[in-house]
Every structure is written in structure tokens, then in C-alpha cells.
PDB file of N, CA and C in Angstrom:
ATOM      1  N   MET A   1      63.477 -52.558 -79.565  1.00  0.00           N
ATOM      2  CA  MET A   1      63.945 -53.335 -78.468  1.00  0.00           C
ATOM      3  C   MET A   1      65.498 -53.390 -78.358  1.00  0.00           C
ATOM      4  N   LEU A   2      65.841 -53.321 -77.056  1.00  0.00           N
ATOM      5  CA  LEU A   2      67.334 -53.390 -76.830  1.00  0.00           C
ATOM      6  C   LEU A   2      67.917 -54.670 -77.184  1.00  0.00           C
ATOM      7  N   THR A   3      69.276 -54.762 -77.458  1.00  0.00           N
ATOM      8  CA  THR A   3      69.859 -55.989 -77.608  1.00  0.00           C
ATOM      9  C   THR A   3      70.177 -56.473 -76.163  1.00  0.00           C
ATOM     10  N   PRO A   4      70.450 -57.796 -76.016  1.00  0.00           N
ATOM     11  CA  PRO A   4      70.770 -58.241 -74.682  1.00  0.00           C
ATOM     12  C   PRO A   4      71.893 -57.455 -74.028  1.00  0.00           C
ATOM     13  N   GLN A   5      72.864 -57.192 -74.830  1.00  0.00           N
ATOM     14  CA  GLN A   5      74.030 -56.429 -74.118  1.00  0.00           C
ATOM     15  C   GLN A   5      73.569 -55.052 -73.711  1.00  0.00           C
ATOM     16  N   GLU A   6      72.868 -54.302 -74.466  1.00  0.00           N
ATOM     17  CA  GLU A   6      72.396 -53.032 -74.055  1.00  0.00           C
ATOM     18  C   GLU A   6      71.393 -53.170 -72.807  1.00  0.00           C
ATOM     19  N   ALA A   7      70.621 -54.225 -72.823  1.00  0.00           N
ATOM     20  CA  ALA A   7      69.775 -54.364 -71.655  1.00  0.00           C
ATOM     21  C   ALA A   7      70.552 -54.636 -70.345  1.00  0.00           C
ATOM     22  N   ILE A   8      71.622 -55.404 -70.507  1.00  0.00           N
ATOM     23  CA  ILE A   8      72.505 -55.711 -69.328  1.00  0.00           C
ATOM     24  C   ILE A   8      73.123 -54.385 -68.919  1.00  0.00           C
ATOM     25  N   GLN A   9      73.600 -53.621 -69.849  1.00  0.00           N
ATOM     26  CA  GLN A   9      74.229 -52.231 -69.501  1.00  0.00           C
ATOM     27  C   GLN A   9      73.188 -51.289 -68.869  1.00  0.00           C
ATOM     28  N   GLN A  10      71.975 -51.383 -69.318  1.00  0.00           N
ATOM     29  CA  GLN A  10      70.967 -50.413 -68.723  1.00  0.00           C
ATOM     30  C   GLN A  10      70.705 -50.971 -67.319  1.00  0.00           C
ATOM     31  N   VAL A  11      70.537 -52.196 -67.035  1.00  0.00           N
ATOM     32  CA  VAL A  11      70.262 -52.640 -65.814  1.00  0.00           C
ATOM     33  C   VAL A  11      71.485 -52.379 -64.889  1.00  0.00           C
ATOM     34  N   ALA A  12      72.729 -52.441 -65.334  1.00  0.00           N
ATOM     35  CA  ALA A  12      73.857 -52.179 -64.467  1.00  0.00           C
ATOM     36  C   ALA A  12      73.815 -50.750 -64.127  1.00  0.00           C
ATOM     37  N   ARG A  13      73.655 -49.810 -65.035  1.00  0.00           N
ATOM     38  CA  ARG A  13      73.566 -48.346 -64.782  1.00  0.00           C
ATOM     39  C   ARG A  13      72.555 -48.048 -63.696  1.00  0.00           C
ATOM     40  N   LYS A  14      71.255 -48.695 -63.982  1.00  0.00           N
ATOM     41  CA  LYS A  14      70.143 -48.318 -63.077  1.00  0.00           C
ATOM     42  C   LYS A  14      70.324 -48.704 -61.705  1.00  0.00           C
ATOM     43  N   ASN A  15      71.180 -49.890 -61.427  1.00  0.00           N
ATOM     44  CA  ASN A  15      71.498 -50.425 -60.183  1.00  0.00           C
ATOM     45  C   ASN A  15      72.883 -50.034 -59.570  1.00  0.00           C
ATOM     46  N   GLY A  16      73.589 -49.265 -60.366  1.00  0.00           N
ATOM     47  CA  GLY A  16      74.957 -48.735 -59.843  1.00  0.00           C
ATOM     48  C   GLY A  16      75.964 -49.921 -59.739  1.00  0.00           C
ATOM     49  N   VAL A  17      75.858 -50.837 -60.627  1.00  0.00           N
ATOM     50  CA  VAL A  17      76.814 -51.952 -60.601  1.00  0.00           C
ATOM     51  C   VAL A  17      77.352 -52.125 -62.051  1.00  0.00           C
ATOM     52  N   THR A  18      78.409 -53.016 -62.289  1.00  0.00           N
ATOM     53  CA  THR A  18      79.097 -53.087 -63.587  1.00  0.00           C
ATOM     54  C   THR A  18      78.125 -54.133 -64.359  1.00  0.00           C
ATOM     55  N   PRO A  19      78.254 -54.081 -65.664  1.00  0.00           N
ATOM     56  CA  PRO A  19      77.651 -55.030 -66.550  1.00  0.00           C
ATOM     57  C   PRO A  19      78.078 -56.494 -66.182  1.00  0.00           C
ATOM     58  N   GLU A  20      79.280 -56.738 -65.729  1.00  0.00           N
ATOM     59  CA  GLU A  20      79.845 -57.954 -65.449  1.00  0.00           C
ATOM     60  C   GLU A  20      79.114 -58.554 -64.191  1.00  0.00           C
ATOM     61  N   GLU A  21      78.860 -57.600 -63.232  1.00  0.00           N
ATOM     62  CA  GLU A  21      78.094 -58.066 -62.049  1.00  0.00           C
ATOM     63  C   GLU A  21      76.650 -58.523 -62.373  1.00  0.00           C
ATOM     64  N   VAL A  22      76.024 -57.842 -63.414  1.00  0.00           N
ATOM     65  CA  VAL A  22      74.642 -58.269 -63.748  1.00  0.00           C
ATOM     66  C   VAL A  22      74.820 -59.576 -64.431  1.00  0.00           C
ATOM     67  N   ARG A  23      75.749 -59.712 -65.292  1.00  0.00           N
ATOM     68  CA  ARG A  23      75.920 -61.057 -65.997  1.00  0.00           C
ATOM     69  C   ARG A  23      76.165 -62.277 -64.948  1.00  0.00           C
ATOM     70  N   ARG A  24      76.936 -61.923 -63.975  1.00  0.00           N
ATOM     71  CA  ARG A  24      77.262 -62.903 -62.879  1.00  0.00           C
ATOM     72  C   ARG A  24      76.044 -63.242 -62.130  1.00  0.00           C
ATOM     73  N   GLU A  25      75.104 -62.299 -61.850  1.00  0.00           N
ATOM     74  CA  GLU A  25      73.902 -62.597 -61.098  1.00  0.00           C
ATOM     75  C   GLU A  25      73.007 -63.489 -62.063  1.00  0.00           C
ATOM     76  N   ILE A  26      72.932 -63.119 -63.257  1.00  0.00           N
ATOM     77  CA  ILE A  26      72.056 -63.983 -64.099  1.00  0.00           C
ATOM     78  C   ILE A  26      72.586 -65.392 -64.228  1.00  0.00           C
ATOM     79  N   GLU A  27      73.905 -65.503 -64.312  1.00  0.00           N
ATOM     80  CA  GLU A  27      74.548 -66.818 -64.417  1.00  0.00           C
ATOM     81  C   GLU A  27      74.303 -67.579 -63.239  1.00  0.00           C
ATOM     82  N   LEU A  28      74.333 -66.954 -61.996  1.00  0.00           N
ATOM     83  CA  LEU A  28      74.060 -67.532 -60.762  1.00  0.00           C
ATOM     84  C   LEU A  28      72.589 -68.110 -60.704  1.00  0.00           C
ATOM     85  N   ALA A  29      71.726 -67.261 -61.156  1.00  0.00           N
ATOM     86  CA  ALA A  29      70.183 -67.663 -61.103  1.00  0.00           C
ATOM     87  C   ALA A  29      70.095 -68.825 -62.111  1.00  0.00           C
ATOM     88  N   LEU A  30      70.673 -68.732 -63.229  1.00  0.00           N
ATOM     89  CA  LEU A  30      70.549 -69.775 -64.234  1.00  0.00           C
ATOM     90  C   LEU A  30      71.105 -71.118 -63.682  1.00  0.00           C
ATOM     91  N   SER A  31      72.277 -71.019 -63.095  1.00  0.00           N
ATOM     92  CA  SER A  31      72.856 -72.217 -62.485  1.00  0.00           C
ATOM     93  C   SER A  31      71.954 -72.900 -61.399  1.00  0.00           C
ATOM     94  N   GLU A  32      71.507 -72.017 -60.467  1.00  0.00           N
ATOM     95  CA  GLU A  32      70.555 -72.489 -59.451  1.00  0.00           C
ATOM     96  C   GLU A  32      69.266 -73.078 -60.023  1.00  0.00           C
ATOM     97  N   GLY A  33      68.738 -72.428 -61.005  1.00  0.00           N
ATOM     98  CA  GLY A  33      67.449 -72.863 -61.549  1.00  0.00           C
ATOM     99  C   GLY A  33      67.668 -74.275 -62.298  1.00  0.00           C
ATOM    100  N   MET A  34      68.839 -74.389 -63.022  1.00  0.00           N
ATOM    101  CA  MET A  34      69.066 -75.577 -63.726  1.00  0.00           C
ATOM    102  C   MET A  34      69.254 -76.856 -62.775  1.00  0.00           C
ATOM    103  N   ARG A  35      69.735 -76.611 -61.487  1.00  0.00           N
ATOM    104  CA  ARG A  35      70.027 -77.531 -60.536  1.00  0.00           C
ATOM    105  C   ARG A  35      68.811 -77.846 -59.656  1.00  0.00           C
ATOM    106  N   SER A  36      67.795 -77.059 -59.729  1.00  0.00           N
ATOM    107  CA  SER A  36      66.690 -77.211 -58.931  1.00  0.00           C
ATOM    108  C   SER A  36      65.906 -78.465 -59.148  1.00  0.00           C
ATOM    109  N   LEU A  37      65.433 -79.087 -58.143  1.00  0.00           N
ATOM    110  CA  LEU A  37      64.665 -80.337 -58.196  1.00  0.00           C
ATOM    111  C   LEU A  37      63.155 -80.050 -58.415  1.00  0.00           C
ATOM    112  N   ASP A  38      62.753 -78.785 -58.371  1.00  0.00           N
ATOM    113  CA  ASP A  38      61.376 -78.387 -58.468  1.00  0.00           C
ATOM    114  C   ASP A  38      61.066 -78.580 -59.959  1.00  0.00           C
ATOM    115  N   PRO A  39      60.090 -79.328 -60.397  1.00  0.00           N
ATOM    116  CA  PRO A  39      59.746 -79.476 -61.792  1.00  0.00           C
ATOM    117  C   PRO A  39      59.259 -78.273 -62.470  1.00  0.00           C
ATOM    118  N   ARG A  40      58.573 -77.400 -61.686  1.00  0.00           N
ATOM    119  CA  ARG A  40      58.211 -76.079 -62.292  1.00  0.00           C
ATOM    120  C   ARG A  40      59.353 -75.165 -62.578  1.00  0.00           C
ATOM    121  N   VAL A  41      60.389 -75.167 -61.767  1.00  0.00           N
ATOM    122  CA  VAL A  41      61.585 -74.404 -61.958  1.00  0.00           C
ATOM    123  C   VAL A  41      62.205 -74.865 -63.190  1.00  0.00           C
ATOM    124  N   GLN A  42      62.466 -76.195 -63.208  1.00  0.00           N
ATOM    125  CA  GLN A  42      63.110 -76.912 -64.390  1.00  0.00           C
ATOM    126  C   GLN A  42      62.443 -76.607 -65.686  1.00  0.00           C
ATOM    127  N   ALA A  43      61.154 -76.626 -65.656  1.00  0.00           N
ATOM    128  CA  ALA A  43      60.342 -76.311 -66.877  1.00  0.00           C
ATOM    129  C   ALA A  43      60.524 -74.955 -67.306  1.00  0.00           C
ATOM    130  N   PHE A  44      60.610 -74.020 -66.423  1.00  0.00           N
ATOM    131  CA  PHE A  44      60.817 -72.609 -66.679  1.00  0.00           C
ATOM    132  C   PHE A  44      62.089 -72.488 -67.511  1.00  0.00           C
ATOM    133  N   TRP A  45      63.133 -73.039 -66.966  1.00  0.00           N
ATOM    134  CA  TRP A  45      64.540 -72.868 -67.624  1.00  0.00           C
ATOM    135  C   TRP A  45      64.601 -73.625 -68.992  1.00  0.00           C
ATOM    136  N   ARG A  46      63.900 -74.746 -68.991  1.00  0.00           N
ATOM    137  CA  ARG A  46      63.948 -75.539 -70.269  1.00  0.00           C
ATOM    138  C   ARG A  46      63.247 -74.890 -71.434  1.00  0.00           C
ATOM    139  N   GLN A  47      62.348 -73.937 -71.101  1.00  0.00           N
ATOM    140  CA  GLN A  47      61.574 -73.328 -72.276  1.00  0.00           C
ATOM    141  C   GLN A  47      62.339 -72.147 -72.882  1.00  0.00           C
ATOM    142  N   ILE A  48      63.587 -71.833 -72.318  1.00  0.00           N
ATOM    143  CA  ILE A  48      64.364 -70.808 -72.949  1.00  0.00           C
ATOM    144  C   ILE A  48      65.170 -71.442 -74.183  1.00  0.00           C
ATOM    145  N   PRO A  49      64.929 -70.836 -75.363  1.00  0.00           N
ATOM    146  CA  PRO A  49      65.667 -71.402 -76.518  1.00  0.00           C
ATOM    147  C   PRO A  49      67.173 -71.275 -76.258  1.00  0.00           C
ATOM    148  N   SER A  50      67.829 -72.383 -76.657  1.00  0.00           N
ATOM    149  CA  SER A  50      69.307 -72.310 -76.549  1.00  0.00           C
ATOM    150  C   SER A  50      69.957 -73.150 -77.559  1.00  0.00           C
ATOM    151  N   ARG A  51      71.078 -72.680 -78.085  1.00  0.00           N
ATOM    152  CA  ARG A  51      71.761 -73.509 -79.148  1.00  0.00           C
ATOM    153  C   ARG A  51      72.588 -74.554 -78.547  1.00  0.00           C
ATOM    154  N   THR A  52      72.904 -74.538 -77.326  1.00  0.00           N
ATOM    155  CA  THR A  52      73.715 -75.499 -76.718  1.00  0.00           C
ATOM    156  C   THR A  52      73.032 -76.319 -75.714  1.00  0.00           C
ATOM    157  N   GLY A  53      71.828 -76.205 -75.336  1.00  0.00           N
ATOM    158  CA  GLY A  53      71.153 -76.833 -74.337  1.00  0.00           C
ATOM    159  C   GLY A  53      71.198 -76.195 -73.056  1.00  0.00           C
ATOM    160  N   ILE A  54      72.057 -75.341 -72.695  1.00  0.00           N
ATOM    161  CA  ILE A  54      72.242 -74.521 -71.604  1.00  0.00           C
ATOM    162  C   ILE A  54      72.224 -73.043 -71.942  1.00  0.00           C
ATOM    163  N   PRO A  55      71.134 -72.352 -71.645  1.00  0.00           N
ATOM    164  CA  PRO A  55      71.114 -70.914 -72.213  1.00  0.00           C
ATOM    165  C   PRO A  55      72.263 -69.992 -71.686  1.00  0.00           C
ATOM    166  N   THR A  56      72.654 -69.210 -72.624  1.00  0.00           N
ATOM    167  CA  THR A  56      73.620 -68.224 -72.213  1.00  0.00           C
ATOM    168  C   THR A  56      72.905 -67.058 -71.620  1.00  0.00           C
ATOM    169  N   VAL A  57      73.680 -66.162 -70.957  1.00  0.00           N
ATOM    170  CA  VAL A  57      73.111 -64.838 -70.370  1.00  0.00           C
ATOM    171  C   VAL A  57      72.418 -64.200 -71.493  1.00  0.00           C
ATOM    172  N   GLU A  58      72.829 -64.043 -72.667  1.00  0.00           N
ATOM    173  CA  GLU A  58      72.149 -63.315 -73.712  1.00  0.00           C
ATOM    174  C   GLU A  58      70.913 -63.940 -74.085  1.00  0.00           C
ATOM    175  N   GLU A  59      70.886 -65.331 -74.125  1.00  0.00           N
ATOM    176  CA  GLU A  59      69.578 -66.035 -74.551  1.00  0.00           C
ATOM    177  C   GLU A  59      68.591 -65.802 -73.404  1.00  0.00           C
ATOM    178  N   VAL A  60      68.994 -65.839 -72.202  1.00  0.00           N
ATOM    179  CA  VAL A  60      68.092 -65.583 -71.001  1.00  0.00           C
ATOM    180  C   VAL A  60      67.446 -64.205 -71.192  1.00  0.00           C
ATOM    181  N   VAL A  61      68.306 -63.136 -71.320  1.00  0.00           N
ATOM    182  CA  VAL A  61      67.851 -61.785 -71.505  1.00  0.00           C
ATOM    183  C   VAL A  61      66.854 -61.657 -72.577  1.00  0.00           C
ATOM    184  N   GLN A  62      67.275 -62.191 -73.749  1.00  0.00           N
ATOM    185  CA  GLN A  62      66.313 -62.154 -74.957  1.00  0.00           C
ATOM    186  C   GLN A  62      65.093 -62.715 -74.653  1.00  0.00           C
ATOM    187  N   PHE A  63      65.020 -63.958 -74.049  1.00  0.00           N
ATOM    188  CA  PHE A  63      63.835 -64.635 -73.703  1.00  0.00           C
ATOM    189  C   PHE A  63      62.835 -63.866 -72.848  1.00  0.00           C
ATOM    190  N   LEU A  64      63.439 -63.348 -71.767  1.00  0.00           N
ATOM    191  CA  LEU A  64      62.768 -62.524 -70.842  1.00  0.00           C
ATOM    192  C   LEU A  64      62.211 -61.233 -71.491  1.00  0.00           C
ATOM    193  N   ALA A  65      62.966 -60.612 -72.271  1.00  0.00           N
ATOM    194  CA  ALA A  65      62.450 -59.393 -73.028  1.00  0.00           C
ATOM    195  C   ALA A  65      61.409 -59.732 -73.861  1.00  0.00           C
ATOM    196  N   GLU A  66      61.508 -60.691 -74.683  1.00  0.00           N
ATOM    197  CA  GLU A  66      60.348 -61.176 -75.657  1.00  0.00           C
ATOM    198  C   GLU A  66      59.085 -61.638 -74.710  1.00  0.00           C
ATOM    199  N   SER A  67      59.284 -62.209 -73.669  1.00  0.00           N
ATOM    200  CA  SER A  67      58.124 -62.669 -72.771  1.00  0.00           C
ATOM    201  C   SER A  67      57.436 -61.522 -72.234  1.00  0.00           C
ATOM    202  N   ALA A  68      58.151 -60.406 -72.007  1.00  0.00           N
ATOM    203  CA  ALA A  68      57.561 -59.279 -71.328  1.00  0.00           C
ATOM    204  C   ALA A  68      56.697 -58.431 -72.242  1.00  0.00           C
ATOM    205  N   THR A  69      56.956 -58.612 -73.545  1.00  0.00           N
ATOM    206  CA  THR A  69      56.142 -57.800 -74.473  1.00  0.00           C
ATOM    207  C   THR A  69      54.945 -58.445 -74.945  1.00  0.00           C
TER     208      THR A  69
END
């Protein structure tokens, strides 16, 4: 399995963007999801393990990768 950083780089190459842009898009999705009033959306983001209570990009990528397998 790829590390979160490797996965971000792979997504960036595949989409012709920089890894920073991929990170920014994930951060935007995370921010929007955490602010959502929809209980289902909030529940999804809360299930992502995080050391600080707010998942990092790497934690999100790791969680999604593990969920997909």
C-alpha cells in the first residue's frame, strides 16, 4: 500500500496538478464536511481516526485507502 504522501503524488500526476493542489482540495473537502449540518456528513468525518480531533490530509488519505481495501 502507498503511503499517504505517495498516494497524493500519484493523484497529482494522474490529474496533471501539483501535490499541493491535491492537498488543498482535500483540506477544502474536510473543512466543508466538518462544517456541514447534515448528521450523516458529520458522522462520516468523525469516523476518521485523528490524533488532534481534526483529521490531517494524511489521516484522511490513510483512512480512505484502508476503507477501500
